Amino acid sequence: MKADHEVDVAVIGAGQAGLSAAYHLRRAGFANEAGFVVLDHGKRPGGAWQYRWPSLIVEKVHGIYDLPGMGFGTPDPKLPAADVVSEYFGRFERTYDLPVHRPVDVLSVSAEEDRLVVASAAETWAARAVISATGTWDRPFWPYYPGQETFRGRQVHTADYTGAGEFRGKRVVVVGGGASAVQLLLEIAPFAHSTRWVTRRPPVWRDEPFSEDWGREAVAKVDRRVREGLPPKSVVSVTDLAVTPEVPAGLDAGILDRHPMFERITPDGVRWADGTFEPADIILWATGFRAAIDHLAPLRLRGSGGGIRMDGTRVVAEPRLHLVGYGPSASTVGANRAGRSAVTEIRRLLGR
């Protein structure tokens, strides 16, 4: 079946990694529309940032790295990161005249003869190469614990968090050991009746500002897994916790008093193996995200290790496909480099 459009390269996703790839495609001489297209399911620019909770202000973010060719600048640190980053991404798209189509929900990528066919519900694009930059925000991870379905209160994921007000007067259990868990716990505690923080592993605090070197260290750990064909851990899961100005007070007040994971969930709370019980009205799952790659299922890329074996950004089993925003590049520190690397490989593949 003939596709509706033919392009050299289709980029799926317009977050940091997708925009970086689009920038380098533009610089490499791929003409807009005929040469490449960017398909994004967001209603506006901003990638996953546009969905972040309003209280996540710029100064609380680990790091927002510059897109290639355009500095992020020094916005008001008290402004919501969702608004600031969305404006920045939109300005980047306009400045470099990037062919972003939205909203487009990509449903599948399949191999047909000498092309990869990218399909939405309404249109198809036949591409000589595909860069999938779909990130993780659309795949919040909800771990299962016995009794979870019996809980009579609310269960909320960080992807659904809108503000601390909804926790007013509630008994809250926060699950997760990443920076988001710490930030939300500190926000919620003044409003909640009580809070209890539980994690699978004890937190490791790092008393220094988050830096590019720190980020690269975490990225390298994830990169080793995907090269071996193992499912990537999130970059957050291998990043220690920064001691921000709010943390010492939270530790002194007992808000950041970490407890080990409970054994099961009851209708009214959570219970540990030793019989300890914590009543709860809300369980907040700050348990991270998984790679949003369901659209790649027709290509049957997963190996015996359960993951997709990678060589840099290139999928070993399908050299025409590059994943950016996956594994080691699922962070702002890795996304720019991944976009440039993917385009370099694609130019070589297509003889450009």
Protein backbone atom coordinates (compact mmCIF):
# COMPACT_ATOMS: atom_id res chain seq x y z
CA MET A 1 0.00 0.00 0.00
CA LYS A 2 1.37 3.38 -0.99
CA ALA A 3 2.00 5.74 1.91
CA ASP A 4 0.44 9.19 2.02
CA HIS A 5 3.86 10.85 2.28
CA GLU A 6 7.45 9.93 1.43
CA VAL A 7 10.38 11.42 3.35
CA ASP A 8 14.01 10.63 3.94
CA VAL A 9 13.67 10.76 7.73
CA ALA A 10 10.70 10.75 10.08
CA VAL A 11 11.28 12.00 13.63
CA ILE A 12 8.70 10.87 16.19
CA GLY A 13 8.45 13.26 19.11
CA ALA A 14 9.39 16.93 19.62
CA GLY A 15 10.91 16.92 23.07
CA GLN A 16 14.55 17.75 23.73
CA ALA A 17 15.90 14.72 21.86
CA GLY A 18 13.55 15.06 18.88
CA LEU A 19 14.25 18.78 18.48
CA SER A 20 17.98 18.17 18.70
CA ALA A 21 17.71 15.56 15.94
CA ALA A 22 15.58 17.91 13.81
CA TYR A 23 18.11 20.71 14.21
CA HIS A 24 20.95 18.50 13.01
CA LEU A 25 18.87 17.17 10.11
CA ARG A 26 18.23 20.76 9.03
CA ARG A 27 21.92 21.62 9.27
CA ALA A 28 22.82 18.47 7.32
CA GLY A 29 20.80 19.68 4.34
CA PHE A 30 17.64 17.61 4.67
CA ALA A 31 15.00 19.91 3.23
CA ASN A 32 11.84 20.48 5.21
CA GLU A 33 8.88 18.21 4.45
CA ALA A 34 10.48 16.25 1.59
CA GLY A 35 13.67 15.59 3.54
CA PHE A 36 12.30 15.12 7.03
CA VAL A 37 9.23 15.58 9.16
CA VAL A 38 8.69 15.76 12.93
CA LEU A 39 5.51 14.11 14.25
CA ASP A 40 4.52 15.19 17.76
CA HIS A 41 1.43 14.20 19.73
CA GLY A 42 1.49 17.24 22.01
CA LYS A 43 -1.03 19.99 21.45
CA ARG A 44 1.72 22.60 21.78
CA PRO A 45 5.53 22.74 21.95
CA GLY A 46 7.23 21.61 25.12
CA GLY A 47 7.47 17.83 24.96
CA ALA A 48 6.83 16.22 28.35
CA TRP A 49 7.68 19.47 30.09
CA GLN A 50 4.28 20.95 29.23
CA TYR A 51 2.62 18.37 31.52
CA ARG A 52 4.74 18.99 34.63
CA TRP A 53 2.97 20.12 37.77
CA PRO A 54 2.64 23.92 38.25
CA SER A 55 4.67 23.96 41.47
CA LEU A 56 7.75 22.59 39.69
CA ILE A 57 9.50 25.91 39.22
CA VAL A 58 12.71 26.48 37.29
CA GLU A 59 14.98 26.59 40.34
CA LYS A 60 13.80 23.12 41.47
CA VAL A 61 14.75 21.41 38.22
CA HIS A 62 18.03 19.44 38.17
CA GLY A 63 19.07 21.04 34.92
CA ILE A 64 17.55 22.32 31.70
CA TYR A 65 20.25 22.02 29.07
CA ASP A 66 20.49 24.22 26.02
CA LEU A 67 19.12 22.96 22.74
CA PRO A 68 21.79 23.11 20.01
CA GLY A 69 22.27 26.56 18.57
CA MET A 70 20.06 28.39 21.08
CA GLY A 71 20.76 29.02 24.74
CA PHE A 72 18.05 28.54 27.34
CA GLY A 73 18.96 31.84 28.94
CA THR A 74 18.31 32.82 32.56
CA PRO A 75 14.54 32.94 33.11
CA ASP A 76 12.95 33.90 36.40
CA PRO A 77 13.74 30.92 38.68
CA LYS A 78 10.29 31.21 40.29
CA LEU A 79 8.36 30.63 37.05
CA PRO A 80 6.77 27.22 36.34
CA ALA A 81 9.18 25.05 34.37
CA ALA A 82 6.29 23.83 32.19
CA ASP A 83 5.65 27.34 30.87
CA VAL A 84 9.27 28.38 30.52
CA VAL A 85 10.44 25.26 28.70
CA SER A 86 7.38 25.17 26.43
CA GLU A 87 8.06 28.75 25.37
CA TYR A 88 11.73 27.92 24.77
CA PHE A 89 10.94 24.83 22.68
CA GLY A 90 8.36 26.76 20.64
CA ARG A 91 10.84 29.56 19.98
CA PHE A 92 13.41 26.98 18.89
CA GLU A 93 10.96 25.38 16.43
CA ARG A 94 10.14 28.77 14.89
CA THR A 95 13.72 30.01 14.72
CA TYR A 96 14.93 26.97 12.80
CA ASP A 97 11.71 26.53 10.80
CA LEU A 98 11.32 22.91 11.84
CA PRO A 99 8.53 20.94 10.12
CA VAL A 100 6.67 19.86 13.26
CA HIS A 101 3.19 18.40 12.74
CA ARG A 102 0.89 18.21 15.76
CA PRO A 103 -1.09 16.71 17.21
CA VAL A 104 -0.13 13.43 15.54
CA ASP A 105 -0.41 10.18 17.50
CA VAL A 106 1.93 7.64 15.93
CA LEU A 107 0.41 4.18 16.33
CA SER A 108 2.97 1.97 14.62
CA VAL A 109 6.25 1.70 12.74
CA SER A 110 6.55 -1.25 10.39
CA ALA A 111 9.03 -2.45 7.76
CA GLU A 112 7.80 -2.56 4.18
CA GLU A 113 10.36 -3.34 1.46
CA ASP A 114 13.03 -0.61 1.56
CA ARG A 115 11.10 1.76 3.82
CA LEU A 116 9.91 2.06 7.39
CA VAL A 117 6.26 3.07 7.43
CA VAL A 118 5.13 5.35 10.24
CA ALA A 119 1.37 5.28 10.73
CA SER A 120 -1.11 7.43 12.63
CA ALA A 121 -4.86 6.89 12.61
CA ALA A 122 -5.20 9.26 9.66
CA GLU A 123 -1.91 9.27 7.67
CA THR A 124 1.20 7.26 6.81
CA TRP A 125 4.78 8.32 6.12
CA ALA A 126 7.24 6.09 4.25
CA ALA A 127 10.75 6.93 5.48
CA ARG A 128 14.22 5.72 4.62
CA ALA A 129 15.13 6.14 8.29
CA VAL A 130 13.25 6.83 11.51
CA ILE A 131 14.32 8.58 14.70
CA SER A 132 12.01 7.65 17.56
CA ALA A 133 12.20 10.29 20.30
CA THR A 134 9.11 9.47 22.33
CA GLY A 135 10.69 9.57 25.76
CA THR A 136 8.94 8.12 28.81
CA TRP A 137 6.23 10.50 30.06
CA ASP A 138 3.40 8.53 28.43
CA ARG A 139 4.36 5.35 30.29
CA PRO A 140 4.09 6.00 34.06
CA PHE A 141 5.23 2.95 35.98
CA TRP A 142 2.83 1.53 38.60
CA PRO A 143 4.43 -1.33 40.55
CA TYR A 144 2.11 -3.96 41.96
CA TYR A 145 1.86 -4.96 45.60
CA PRO A 146 -0.55 -7.53 47.06
CA GLY A 147 -3.87 -6.03 48.05
CA GLN A 148 -3.46 -2.99 45.81
CA GLU A 149 -6.90 -3.46 44.27
CA THR A 150 -8.57 -3.46 47.71
CA PHE A 151 -7.37 0.03 48.71
CA ARG A 152 -10.36 2.29 49.38
CA GLY A 153 -8.45 5.55 49.12
CA ARG A 154 -6.90 7.24 46.08
CA GLN A 155 -3.81 6.13 44.21
CA VAL A 156 -2.04 8.87 42.27
CA HIS A 157 1.07 8.85 40.08
CA THR A 158 3.39 11.83 39.74
CA ALA A 159 2.20 12.09 36.12
CA ASP A 160 -1.23 13.06 37.52
CA TYR A 161 0.01 15.42 40.25
CA THR A 162 -1.44 18.95 40.04
CA GLY A 163 -0.61 20.45 43.42
CA ALA A 164 -0.38 19.92 47.16
CA GLY A 165 -3.88 21.25 47.86
CA GLU A 166 -5.55 17.94 46.99
CA PHE A 167 -3.65 16.30 49.87
CA ARG A 168 -4.92 18.70 52.52
CA GLY A 169 -5.83 16.86 55.71
CA LYS A 170 -5.04 13.46 54.18
CA ARG A 171 -2.82 10.64 55.41
CA VAL A 172 -0.36 10.17 52.56
CA VAL A 173 2.14 7.43 51.74
CA VAL A 174 4.73 8.50 49.15
CA VAL A 175 6.45 5.66 47.28
CA GLY A 176 9.69 6.24 45.39
CA GLY A 177 13.32 7.15 45.87
CA GLY A 178 13.91 9.77 43.17
CA ALA A 179 14.08 13.54 43.17
CA SER A 180 10.38 13.85 42.31
CA ALA A 181 9.42 11.89 45.42
CA VAL A 182 11.51 14.21 47.59
CA GLN A 183 10.15 17.38 45.96
CA LEU A 184 6.52 16.31 46.24
CA LEU A 185 6.91 15.00 49.78
CA LEU A 186 8.28 18.35 50.92
CA GLU A 187 5.41 20.14 49.15
CA ILE A 188 2.67 17.90 50.48
CA ALA A 189 3.77 17.60 54.12
CA PRO A 190 2.61 21.09 55.25
CA PHE A 191 -0.90 20.35 53.93
CA ALA A 192 -1.28 16.67 54.79
CA HIS A 193 -2.47 15.21 58.09
CA SER A 194 0.55 12.87 57.95
CA THR A 195 3.11 11.56 55.47
CA ARG A 196 5.19 8.39 55.30
CA TRP A 197 8.03 8.00 52.79
CA VAL A 198 8.89 4.47 51.59
CA THR A 199 11.56 3.34 49.12
CA ARG A 200 13.03 0.02 47.98
CA ARG A 201 16.58 1.19 48.70
CA PRO A 202 17.92 3.67 51.24
CA PRO A 203 18.41 7.12 49.65
CA VAL A 204 21.95 8.25 48.86
CA TRP A 205 22.32 11.98 49.43
CA ARG A 206 24.92 13.90 47.46
CA ASP A 207 25.93 17.21 49.00
CA GLU A 208 26.85 19.07 45.82
CA PRO A 209 24.95 20.87 43.03
CA PHE A 210 23.71 18.71 40.18
CA SER A 211 26.20 19.09 37.32
CA GLU A 212 26.81 17.86 33.78
CA ASP A 213 29.51 15.50 35.08
CA TRP A 214 27.04 14.04 37.58
CA GLY A 215 24.49 13.59 34.80
CA ARG A 216 27.03 11.95 32.47
CA GLU A 217 27.98 9.51 35.21
CA ALA A 218 24.35 8.37 35.47
CA VAL A 219 23.93 8.22 31.68
CA ALA A 220 26.98 5.95 31.36
CA LYS A 221 25.45 3.43 33.78
CA VAL A 222 22.27 3.17 31.71
CA ASP A 223 24.22 3.00 28.43
CA ARG A 224 25.99 -0.16 29.56
CA ARG A 225 22.63 -1.91 30.00
CA VAL A 226 21.18 -1.10 26.58
CA ARG A 227 24.37 -2.15 24.80
CA GLU A 228 23.86 -5.55 26.39
CA GLY A 229 20.23 -5.74 25.24
CA LEU A 230 18.81 -5.29 28.73
CA PRO A 231 15.80 -3.10 29.53
CA PRO A 232 17.08 0.35 30.48
CA LYS A 233 16.77 1.59 33.98
CA SER A 234 15.72 5.21 34.16
CA VAL A 235 18.52 7.74 34.50
CA VAL A 236 16.77 8.91 37.67
CA SER A 237 17.08 5.45 39.22
CA VAL A 238 20.87 5.62 39.06
CA THR A 239 21.20 9.25 40.11
CA ASP A 240 21.88 10.06 43.76
CA LEU A 241 19.71 12.66 45.49
CA ALA A 242 20.92 16.24 45.61
CA VAL A 243 20.85 18.01 48.96
CA THR A 244 18.84 21.06 47.92
CA PRO A 245 18.32 23.95 50.37
CA GLU A 246 14.98 22.42 51.49
CA VAL A 247 16.38 18.98 52.30
CA PRO A 248 18.13 19.66 55.66
CA ALA A 249 14.93 21.14 57.10
CA GLY A 250 12.95 18.18 55.77
CA LEU A 251 15.36 15.77 57.41
CA ASP A 252 15.27 17.65 60.73
CA ALA A 253 11.46 17.72 60.70
CA GLY A 254 11.25 13.98 60.04
CA ILE A 255 9.49 14.49 56.70
CA LEU A 256 12.34 12.77 54.87
CA ASP A 257 12.49 9.90 57.34
CA ARG A 258 12.70 7.04 54.87
CA HIS A 259 11.10 3.64 55.61
CA PRO A 260 11.60 0.35 53.72
CA MET A 261 8.94 -0.85 51.32
CA PHE A 262 5.77 -2.25 52.82
CA GLU A 263 4.78 -5.85 52.10
CA ARG A 264 1.15 -5.32 51.14
CA ILE A 265 -1.65 -2.80 50.74
CA THR A 266 -4.82 -3.07 52.81
CA PRO A 267 -8.17 -1.31 52.28
CA ASP A 268 -7.13 1.40 54.75
CA GLY A 269 -3.35 1.66 54.43
CA VAL A 270 -0.14 -0.31 54.07
CA ARG A 271 1.41 -3.06 56.17
CA TRP A 272 4.99 -4.25 56.65
CA ALA A 273 6.15 -7.84 57.14
CA ASP A 274 6.67 -7.27 60.87
CA GLY A 275 3.02 -6.25 61.26
CA THR A 276 3.61 -2.49 61.36
CA PHE A 277 0.63 -0.67 59.87
CA GLU A 278 0.37 2.85 58.40
CA PRO A 279 -3.13 4.19 57.71
CA ALA A 280 -3.48 6.04 54.39
CA ASP A 281 -6.05 7.99 52.44
CA ILE A 282 -3.77 8.50 49.41
CA ILE A 283 -0.83 6.55 47.99
CA LEU A 284 1.35 8.70 45.75
CA TRP A 285 3.43 6.57 43.39
CA ALA A 286 6.57 8.54 42.52
CA THR A 287 7.91 5.44 40.81
CA GLY A 288 9.11 6.82 37.52
CA PHE A 289 8.38 5.93 33.92
CA ARG A 290 9.22 3.37 31.27
CA ALA A 291 10.17 3.91 27.64
CA ALA A 292 7.17 4.78 25.43
CA ILE A 293 7.97 2.43 22.54
CA ASP A 294 4.76 0.48 21.98
CA HIS A 295 4.56 1.90 18.45
CA LEU A 296 7.69 -0.12 17.57
CA ALA A 297 6.06 -3.48 18.40
CA PRO A 298 5.55 -4.52 14.72
CA LEU A 299 9.35 -4.51 14.26
CA ARG A 300 9.82 -7.19 16.98
CA LEU A 301 12.98 -5.65 18.35
CA ARG A 302 13.15 -7.06 21.88
CA GLY A 303 15.84 -9.67 22.39
CA SER A 304 16.26 -12.49 24.88
CA GLY A 305 17.43 -10.02 27.53
CA GLY A 306 14.06 -8.29 27.45
CA GLY A 307 15.33 -5.03 26.00
CA ILE A 308 16.32 -3.58 22.63
CA ARG A 309 20.00 -4.01 21.89
CA MET A 310 21.56 -0.69 20.99
CA ASP A 311 24.81 0.54 19.51
CA GLY A 312 24.80 4.18 20.48
CA THR A 313 21.43 5.41 19.22
CA ARG A 314 21.16 2.77 16.48
CA VAL A 315 19.00 -0.32 16.95
CA VAL A 316 21.23 -3.29 16.15
CA ALA A 317 18.37 -5.38 14.70
CA GLU A 318 17.07 -2.53 12.51
CA PRO A 319 19.85 -0.12 11.41
CA ARG A 320 17.36 2.28 9.82
CA LEU A 321 15.90 3.00 13.26
CA HIS A 322 17.47 5.21 15.92
CA LEU A 323 16.17 5.68 19.45
CA VAL A 324 16.86 8.99 21.16
CA GLY A 325 15.30 9.75 24.50
CA TYR A 326 15.64 6.01 25.22
CA GLY A 327 17.88 4.58 27.90
CA PRO A 328 20.98 6.75 28.29
CA SER A 329 19.51 9.62 26.28
CA ALA A 330 16.26 9.75 28.32
CA SER A 331 17.52 12.92 30.00
CA THR A 332 18.32 16.44 28.97
CA VAL A 333 22.02 15.81 29.47
CA GLY A 334 22.01 12.95 26.95
CA ALA A 335 19.36 14.10 24.48
CA ASN A 336 21.36 16.70 22.55
CA ARG A 337 24.30 14.40 22.01
CA ALA A 338 21.98 11.56 20.97
CA GLY A 339 20.22 13.70 18.36
CA ARG A 340 23.51 14.69 16.75
CA SER A 341 24.80 11.12 16.84
CA ALA A 342 21.66 9.71 15.22
CA VAL A 343 21.81 12.19 12.35
CA THR A 344 25.51 11.47 11.75
CA GLU A 345 24.72 7.74 11.41
CA ILE A 346 21.71 8.36 9.19
CA ARG A 347 23.73 10.55 6.84
CA ARG A 348 26.18 7.68 6.49
CA LEU A 349 23.34 5.18 5.94
CA LEU A 350 21.68 7.29 3.25
CA GLY A 351 24.97 8.26 1.57
CA ARG A 352 24.54 11.94 2.39
